[in-house]
Amino acid sequence: MKNFLIAICLVLFSSTGFSQSLIFCEKVAENGAPEKPSHIFTVSSKGGFFDFLVLLPEAVGTAEVKYDIYSVDDAGKETFDVTVSQAVQKEWVWFSKEVTFYKPGDYTIYVYTAEDRLLCTSMVKVVME
């Protein structure tokens, strides 16, 4: 039993270096590097934007991705807000999308391929000025 648990831990730790990532940042450089990454963004009362940067260990393999955005209440319950789509190239291993928010709150973002294969997920907090 102990060897089995050690084996499971080794598999989990070794796979974390090759996992997909969703990073929120103010801007994405031309080489795909996030500029001023954060999980908290302050926007004006008229709304504001920041970038979603997806980093993958291999080519995305689809022509379109979808960002499903859910608002999260104080109890942790997610409520669907909107889907934002983006055309991508099948060979891309990273891509970014500028997304505008008009309401403060906590959000969970799920990134899917056009075929509904989950690529990654992350949470962000939007604060109004």
N, C-alpha and C. Protein backbone atom coordinates (compact mmCIF):
# COMPACT_ATOMS: atom_id res chain seq x y z
N MET A 1 0.83 -1.20 0.00
CA MET A 1 0.00 0.00 0.00
C MET A 1 0.87 1.26 0.00
N LYS A 2 1.94 1.24 0.82
CA LYS A 2 2.81 2.41 0.91
C LYS A 2 3.49 2.68 -0.44
N ASN A 3 3.95 1.62 -1.13
CA ASN A 3 4.57 1.80 -2.45
C ASN A 3 3.59 2.37 -3.45
N PHE A 4 2.33 1.94 -3.36
CA PHE A 4 1.30 2.45 -4.26
C PHE A 4 1.11 3.96 -4.06
N LEU A 5 1.05 4.41 -2.81
CA LEU A 5 0.90 5.84 -2.53
C LEU A 5 2.11 6.63 -3.01
N ILE A 6 3.28 6.09 -2.84
CA ILE A 6 4.50 6.76 -3.34
C ILE A 6 4.46 6.88 -4.85
N ALA A 7 4.04 5.83 -5.53
CA ALA A 7 3.95 5.84 -6.99
C ALA A 7 2.95 6.90 -7.46
N ILE A 8 1.80 6.99 -6.79
CA ILE A 8 0.79 7.99 -7.15
C ILE A 8 1.35 9.40 -6.97
N CYS A 9 2.04 9.64 -5.87
CA CYS A 9 2.63 10.95 -5.61
C CYS A 9 3.67 11.31 -6.68
N LEU A 10 4.49 10.36 -7.06
CA LEU A 10 5.50 10.61 -8.09
C LEU A 10 4.85 10.97 -9.42
N VAL A 11 3.80 10.28 -9.78
CA VAL A 11 3.09 10.59 -11.03
C VAL A 11 2.50 11.98 -10.98
N LEU A 12 1.87 12.35 -9.88
CA LEU A 12 1.27 13.68 -9.74
C LEU A 12 2.33 14.77 -9.80
N PHE A 13 3.43 14.59 -9.07
CA PHE A 13 4.48 15.61 -9.07
C PHE A 13 5.16 15.71 -10.43
N SER A 14 5.37 14.62 -11.11
CA SER A 14 6.05 14.68 -12.41
C SER A 14 5.17 15.28 -13.48
N SER A 15 3.86 15.18 -13.36
CA SER A 15 2.99 15.71 -14.39
C SER A 15 2.71 17.19 -14.21
N THR A 16 2.97 17.76 -13.04
CA THR A 16 2.66 19.17 -12.82
C THR A 16 3.52 20.09 -13.66
N GLY A 17 4.71 19.69 -14.04
CA GLY A 17 5.56 20.53 -14.87
C GLY A 17 5.09 20.62 -16.30
N PHE A 18 4.19 19.78 -16.70
CA PHE A 18 3.73 19.76 -18.09
C PHE A 18 2.25 20.10 -18.21
N SER A 19 1.69 20.72 -17.18
CA SER A 19 0.27 21.01 -17.20
C SER A 19 -0.01 22.30 -17.95
N GLN A 20 -1.25 22.46 -18.30
CA GLN A 20 -1.72 23.66 -18.98
C GLN A 20 -1.89 24.78 -17.96
N SER A 21 -1.78 26.02 -18.43
CA SER A 21 -1.92 27.16 -17.53
C SER A 21 -2.79 28.23 -18.14
N LEU A 22 -3.60 28.85 -17.30
CA LEU A 22 -4.35 30.05 -17.66
C LEU A 22 -3.83 31.15 -16.75
N ILE A 23 -3.21 32.16 -17.35
CA ILE A 23 -2.60 33.26 -16.61
C ILE A 23 -3.34 34.54 -16.98
N PHE A 24 -3.62 35.36 -15.98
CA PHE A 24 -4.24 36.66 -16.21
C PHE A 24 -3.15 37.71 -16.10
N CYS A 25 -3.13 38.66 -17.04
CA CYS A 25 -2.08 39.67 -17.03
C CYS A 25 -2.56 40.94 -17.73
N GLU A 26 -1.80 42.02 -17.53
CA GLU A 26 -2.16 43.29 -18.15
C GLU A 26 -1.92 43.28 -19.65
N LYS A 27 -0.91 42.52 -20.08
CA LYS A 27 -0.55 42.48 -21.49
C LYS A 27 0.27 41.22 -21.74
N VAL A 28 0.27 40.74 -22.99
CA VAL A 28 1.08 39.59 -23.38
C VAL A 28 2.10 40.06 -24.42
N ALA A 29 3.37 39.78 -24.15
CA ALA A 29 4.44 40.16 -25.09
C ALA A 29 4.34 39.32 -26.36
N GLU A 30 5.01 39.75 -27.39
CA GLU A 30 4.97 39.05 -28.67
C GLU A 30 5.49 37.62 -28.59
N ASN A 31 6.34 37.34 -27.60
CA ASN A 31 6.88 35.99 -27.44
C ASN A 31 6.01 35.13 -26.51
N GLY A 32 4.86 35.67 -26.07
CA GLY A 32 3.95 34.92 -25.22
C GLY A 32 4.21 35.06 -23.73
N ALA A 33 5.08 35.97 -23.35
CA ALA A 33 5.37 36.18 -21.93
C ALA A 33 4.33 37.11 -21.31
N PRO A 34 3.80 36.74 -20.14
CA PRO A 34 2.82 37.62 -19.48
C PRO A 34 3.50 38.83 -18.85
N GLU A 35 2.88 39.99 -19.01
CA GLU A 35 3.38 41.22 -18.39
C GLU A 35 2.43 41.60 -17.26
N LYS A 36 2.97 41.76 -16.07
CA LYS A 36 2.24 42.07 -14.85
C LYS A 36 1.12 41.06 -14.58
N PRO A 37 1.48 39.77 -14.45
CA PRO A 37 0.46 38.77 -14.14
C PRO A 37 -0.11 38.97 -12.73
N SER A 38 -1.38 38.63 -12.56
CA SER A 38 -2.03 38.76 -11.26
C SER A 38 -3.31 37.95 -11.25
N HIS A 39 -3.88 37.77 -10.08
CA HIS A 39 -5.20 37.15 -9.94
C HIS A 39 -6.22 38.18 -9.45
N ILE A 40 -5.77 39.47 -9.33
CA ILE A 40 -6.66 40.55 -8.93
C ILE A 40 -6.42 41.73 -9.86
N PHE A 41 -7.52 42.25 -10.45
CA PHE A 41 -7.42 43.38 -11.36
C PHE A 41 -8.44 44.44 -10.97
N THR A 42 -7.99 45.70 -10.98
CA THR A 42 -8.87 46.82 -10.71
C THR A 42 -9.25 47.46 -12.04
N VAL A 43 -10.55 47.63 -12.26
CA VAL A 43 -11.04 48.25 -13.49
C VAL A 43 -11.93 49.43 -13.11
N SER A 44 -12.18 50.33 -14.06
CA SER A 44 -13.02 51.50 -13.79
C SER A 44 -14.48 51.09 -13.68
N SER A 45 -15.30 52.01 -13.21
CA SER A 45 -16.73 51.73 -13.06
C SER A 45 -17.41 51.55 -14.42
N LYS A 46 -16.75 51.97 -15.49
CA LYS A 46 -17.28 51.78 -16.85
C LYS A 46 -16.82 50.46 -17.46
N GLY A 47 -16.03 49.70 -16.70
CA GLY A 47 -15.49 48.43 -17.19
C GLY A 47 -14.02 48.56 -17.52
N GLY A 48 -13.40 47.43 -17.68
CA GLY A 48 -11.98 47.41 -18.02
C GLY A 48 -11.58 46.02 -18.46
N PHE A 49 -10.42 45.95 -19.07
CA PHE A 49 -9.99 44.68 -19.65
C PHE A 49 -8.62 44.27 -19.13
N PHE A 50 -8.35 42.97 -19.28
CA PHE A 50 -7.03 42.40 -19.08
C PHE A 50 -6.96 41.16 -19.96
N ASP A 51 -5.79 40.58 -20.06
CA ASP A 51 -5.58 39.46 -20.98
C ASP A 51 -5.65 38.12 -20.28
N PHE A 52 -6.21 37.15 -20.99
CA PHE A 52 -6.16 35.74 -20.61
C PHE A 52 -5.06 35.12 -21.47
N LEU A 53 -4.07 34.50 -20.86
CA LEU A 53 -2.98 33.84 -21.57
C LEU A 53 -3.03 32.35 -21.27
N VAL A 54 -3.16 31.53 -22.31
CA VAL A 54 -3.20 30.09 -22.17
C VAL A 54 -1.87 29.52 -22.65
N LEU A 55 -1.21 28.74 -21.81
CA LEU A 55 0.05 28.07 -22.15
C LEU A 55 -0.19 26.57 -22.11
N LEU A 56 0.17 25.87 -23.19
CA LEU A 56 -0.07 24.44 -23.30
C LEU A 56 1.23 23.68 -23.50
N PRO A 57 1.31 22.43 -23.06
CA PRO A 57 2.52 21.63 -23.25
C PRO A 57 2.64 21.08 -24.67
N GLU A 58 1.53 21.12 -25.42
CA GLU A 58 1.52 20.64 -26.81
C GLU A 58 0.52 21.45 -27.60
N ALA A 59 0.51 21.29 -28.91
CA ALA A 59 -0.37 22.06 -29.79
C ALA A 59 -1.83 21.91 -29.37
N VAL A 60 -2.60 22.99 -29.52
CA VAL A 60 -3.99 23.00 -29.09
C VAL A 60 -4.86 22.04 -29.90
N GLY A 61 -4.55 21.84 -31.18
CA GLY A 61 -5.23 20.83 -31.99
C GLY A 61 -6.66 21.14 -32.36
N THR A 62 -7.04 22.41 -32.36
CA THR A 62 -8.40 22.82 -32.73
C THR A 62 -8.34 24.19 -33.39
N ALA A 63 -9.43 24.59 -34.04
CA ALA A 63 -9.47 25.88 -34.72
C ALA A 63 -10.13 26.97 -33.90
N GLU A 64 -10.71 26.60 -32.76
CA GLU A 64 -11.40 27.56 -31.91
C GLU A 64 -11.35 27.12 -30.46
N VAL A 65 -11.24 28.10 -29.56
CA VAL A 65 -11.35 27.83 -28.13
C VAL A 65 -12.46 28.70 -27.56
N LYS A 66 -13.00 28.23 -26.44
CA LYS A 66 -14.07 28.95 -25.75
C LYS A 66 -13.65 29.18 -24.30
N TYR A 67 -13.90 30.40 -23.83
CA TYR A 67 -13.67 30.76 -22.44
C TYR A 67 -15.04 30.88 -21.78
N ASP A 68 -15.40 29.94 -20.94
CA ASP A 68 -16.65 30.02 -20.18
C ASP A 68 -16.37 30.74 -18.89
N ILE A 69 -17.06 31.85 -18.67
CA ILE A 69 -16.82 32.71 -17.51
C ILE A 69 -17.99 32.57 -16.55
N TYR A 70 -17.67 32.22 -15.31
CA TYR A 70 -18.67 32.04 -14.25
C TYR A 70 -18.38 33.02 -13.13
N SER A 71 -19.39 33.70 -12.62
CA SER A 71 -19.22 34.50 -11.41
C SER A 71 -19.36 33.56 -10.22
N VAL A 72 -18.63 33.87 -9.15
CA VAL A 72 -18.61 33.02 -7.96
C VAL A 72 -19.08 33.85 -6.77
N ASP A 73 -20.13 33.36 -6.08
CA ASP A 73 -20.64 34.10 -4.93
C ASP A 73 -19.83 33.78 -3.68
N ASP A 74 -20.20 34.40 -2.55
CA ASP A 74 -19.45 34.24 -1.30
C ASP A 74 -19.46 32.80 -0.78
N ALA A 75 -20.48 32.02 -1.17
CA ALA A 75 -20.56 30.62 -0.73
C ALA A 75 -19.79 29.69 -1.67
N GLY A 76 -19.22 30.25 -2.75
CA GLY A 76 -18.47 29.44 -3.70
C GLY A 76 -19.30 28.89 -4.84
N LYS A 77 -20.59 29.28 -4.92
CA LYS A 77 -21.45 28.80 -6.00
C LYS A 77 -21.15 29.55 -7.29
N GLU A 78 -20.95 28.80 -8.37
CA GLU A 78 -20.67 29.39 -9.68
C GLU A 78 -21.96 29.58 -10.46
N THR A 79 -22.06 30.75 -11.11
CA THR A 79 -23.20 31.06 -11.97
C THR A 79 -22.66 31.47 -13.33
N PHE A 80 -23.13 30.80 -14.39
CA PHE A 80 -22.65 31.10 -15.74
C PHE A 80 -22.90 32.56 -16.08
N ASP A 81 -21.89 33.21 -16.65
CA ASP A 81 -21.98 34.61 -17.04
C ASP A 81 -21.98 34.76 -18.56
N VAL A 82 -20.91 34.29 -19.22
CA VAL A 82 -20.80 34.47 -20.66
C VAL A 82 -19.74 33.52 -21.23
N THR A 83 -19.85 33.24 -22.52
CA THR A 83 -18.81 32.51 -23.25
C THR A 83 -18.16 33.45 -24.24
N VAL A 84 -16.85 33.47 -24.25
CA VAL A 84 -16.08 34.26 -25.22
C VAL A 84 -15.33 33.27 -26.09
N SER A 85 -15.47 33.40 -27.41
CA SER A 85 -14.80 32.48 -28.34
C SER A 85 -13.60 33.15 -28.98
N GLN A 86 -12.67 32.32 -29.44
CA GLN A 86 -11.47 32.82 -30.09
C GLN A 86 -11.02 31.83 -31.15
N ALA A 87 -10.74 32.33 -32.34
CA ALA A 87 -10.15 31.50 -33.39
C ALA A 87 -8.67 31.30 -33.07
N VAL A 88 -8.20 30.07 -33.20
CA VAL A 88 -6.79 29.75 -32.96
C VAL A 88 -6.29 28.86 -34.10
N GLN A 89 -5.00 28.63 -34.13
CA GLN A 89 -4.43 27.71 -35.12
C GLN A 89 -4.07 26.42 -34.40
N LYS A 90 -4.30 25.30 -35.07
CA LYS A 90 -4.13 23.99 -34.44
C LYS A 90 -2.74 23.77 -33.85
N GLU A 91 -1.73 24.38 -34.42
CA GLU A 91 -0.36 24.14 -33.95
C GLU A 91 0.07 25.07 -32.80
N TRP A 92 -0.76 26.01 -32.41
CA TRP A 92 -0.39 26.95 -31.36
C TRP A 92 -0.25 26.25 -30.01
N VAL A 93 0.79 26.63 -29.27
CA VAL A 93 1.00 26.12 -27.91
C VAL A 93 0.72 27.22 -26.87
N TRP A 94 0.47 28.42 -27.33
CA TRP A 94 0.03 29.51 -26.45
C TRP A 94 -0.82 30.48 -27.27
N PHE A 95 -1.75 31.13 -26.60
CA PHE A 95 -2.58 32.14 -27.24
C PHE A 95 -3.17 33.01 -26.14
N SER A 96 -3.59 34.22 -26.52
CA SER A 96 -4.14 35.14 -25.52
C SER A 96 -5.37 35.83 -26.08
N LYS A 97 -6.18 36.32 -25.15
CA LYS A 97 -7.42 37.00 -25.51
C LYS A 97 -7.65 38.14 -24.52
N GLU A 98 -7.92 39.33 -25.03
CA GLU A 98 -8.28 40.45 -24.18
C GLU A 98 -9.76 40.34 -23.86
N VAL A 99 -10.10 40.38 -22.58
CA VAL A 99 -11.48 40.23 -22.14
C VAL A 99 -11.86 41.41 -21.24
N THR A 100 -13.04 41.97 -21.48
CA THR A 100 -13.53 43.11 -20.72
C THR A 100 -14.51 42.66 -19.64
N PHE A 101 -14.37 43.24 -18.45
CA PHE A 101 -15.27 42.98 -17.34
C PHE A 101 -15.97 44.29 -16.95
N TYR A 102 -17.25 44.18 -16.63
CA TYR A 102 -18.05 45.34 -16.25
C TYR A 102 -18.56 45.28 -14.82
N LYS A 103 -18.41 44.14 -14.15
CA LYS A 103 -18.91 43.97 -12.79
C LYS A 103 -17.78 43.45 -11.90
N PRO A 104 -17.72 43.94 -10.66
CA PRO A 104 -16.72 43.41 -9.73
C PRO A 104 -17.14 42.02 -9.27
N GLY A 105 -16.18 41.28 -8.76
CA GLY A 105 -16.48 39.97 -8.19
C GLY A 105 -15.40 38.96 -8.45
N ASP A 106 -15.66 37.75 -7.98
CA ASP A 106 -14.76 36.62 -8.20
C ASP A 106 -15.29 35.84 -9.40
N TYR A 107 -14.38 35.37 -10.23
CA TYR A 107 -14.77 34.65 -11.44
C TYR A 107 -13.91 33.40 -11.60
N THR A 108 -14.54 32.34 -12.12
CA THR A 108 -13.82 31.15 -12.55
C THR A 108 -13.93 31.08 -14.06
N ILE A 109 -12.80 30.85 -14.71
CA ILE A 109 -12.77 30.75 -16.17
C ILE A 109 -12.34 29.34 -16.55
N TYR A 110 -13.13 28.72 -17.43
CA TYR A 110 -12.83 27.40 -17.98
C TYR A 110 -12.53 27.59 -19.46
N VAL A 111 -11.43 27.01 -19.92
CA VAL A 111 -11.05 27.12 -21.33
C VAL A 111 -11.24 25.75 -21.99
N TYR A 112 -12.05 25.73 -23.06
CA TYR A 112 -12.38 24.50 -23.78
C TYR A 112 -12.00 24.61 -25.24
N THR A 113 -11.74 23.47 -25.87
CA THR A 113 -11.61 23.43 -27.33
C THR A 113 -13.01 23.49 -27.93
N ALA A 114 -13.09 23.65 -29.24
CA ALA A 114 -14.39 23.64 -29.94
C ALA A 114 -15.09 22.31 -29.74
N GLU A 115 -14.32 21.27 -29.46
CA GLU A 115 -14.87 19.92 -29.24
C GLU A 115 -15.22 19.67 -27.78
N ASP A 116 -15.21 20.73 -26.97
CA ASP A 116 -15.55 20.68 -25.54
C ASP A 116 -14.56 19.88 -24.68
N ARG A 117 -13.30 19.87 -25.07
CA ARG A 117 -12.25 19.26 -24.25
C ARG A 117 -11.68 20.36 -23.35
N LEU A 118 -11.74 20.15 -22.04
CA LEU A 118 -11.24 21.15 -21.09
C LEU A 118 -9.72 21.26 -21.21
N LEU A 119 -9.24 22.49 -21.42
CA LEU A 119 -7.80 22.73 -21.51
C LEU A 119 -7.23 23.17 -20.16
N CYS A 120 -7.89 24.13 -19.51
CA CYS A 120 -7.41 24.63 -18.23
C CYS A 120 -8.49 25.49 -17.58
N THR A 121 -8.24 25.83 -16.35
CA THR A 121 -9.16 26.67 -15.59
C THR A 121 -8.37 27.48 -14.57
N SER A 122 -8.92 28.63 -14.18
CA SER A 122 -8.29 29.45 -13.16
C SER A 122 -9.32 30.43 -12.62
N MET A 123 -8.95 31.09 -11.52
CA MET A 123 -9.84 32.07 -10.90
C MET A 123 -9.20 33.45 -10.90
N VAL A 124 -10.07 34.48 -10.99
CA VAL A 124 -9.60 35.87 -10.96
C VAL A 124 -10.59 36.71 -10.18
N LYS A 125 -10.09 37.78 -9.58
CA LYS A 125 -10.94 38.73 -8.84
C LYS A 125 -10.89 40.07 -9.57
N VAL A 126 -12.09 40.64 -9.78
CA VAL A 126 -12.20 41.95 -10.42
C VAL A 126 -12.73 42.93 -9.38
N VAL A 127 -12.01 44.04 -9.22
CA VAL A 127 -12.34 45.08 -8.25
C VAL A 127 -12.63 46.35 -9.05
N MET A 128 -13.66 47.10 -8.65
CA MET A 128 -13.97 48.37 -9.30
C MET A 128 -13.30 49.51 -8.55
N GLU A 129 -12.86 50.51 -9.31
CA GLU A 129 -12.23 51.71 -8.72
C GLU A 129 -13.27 52.51 -7.95
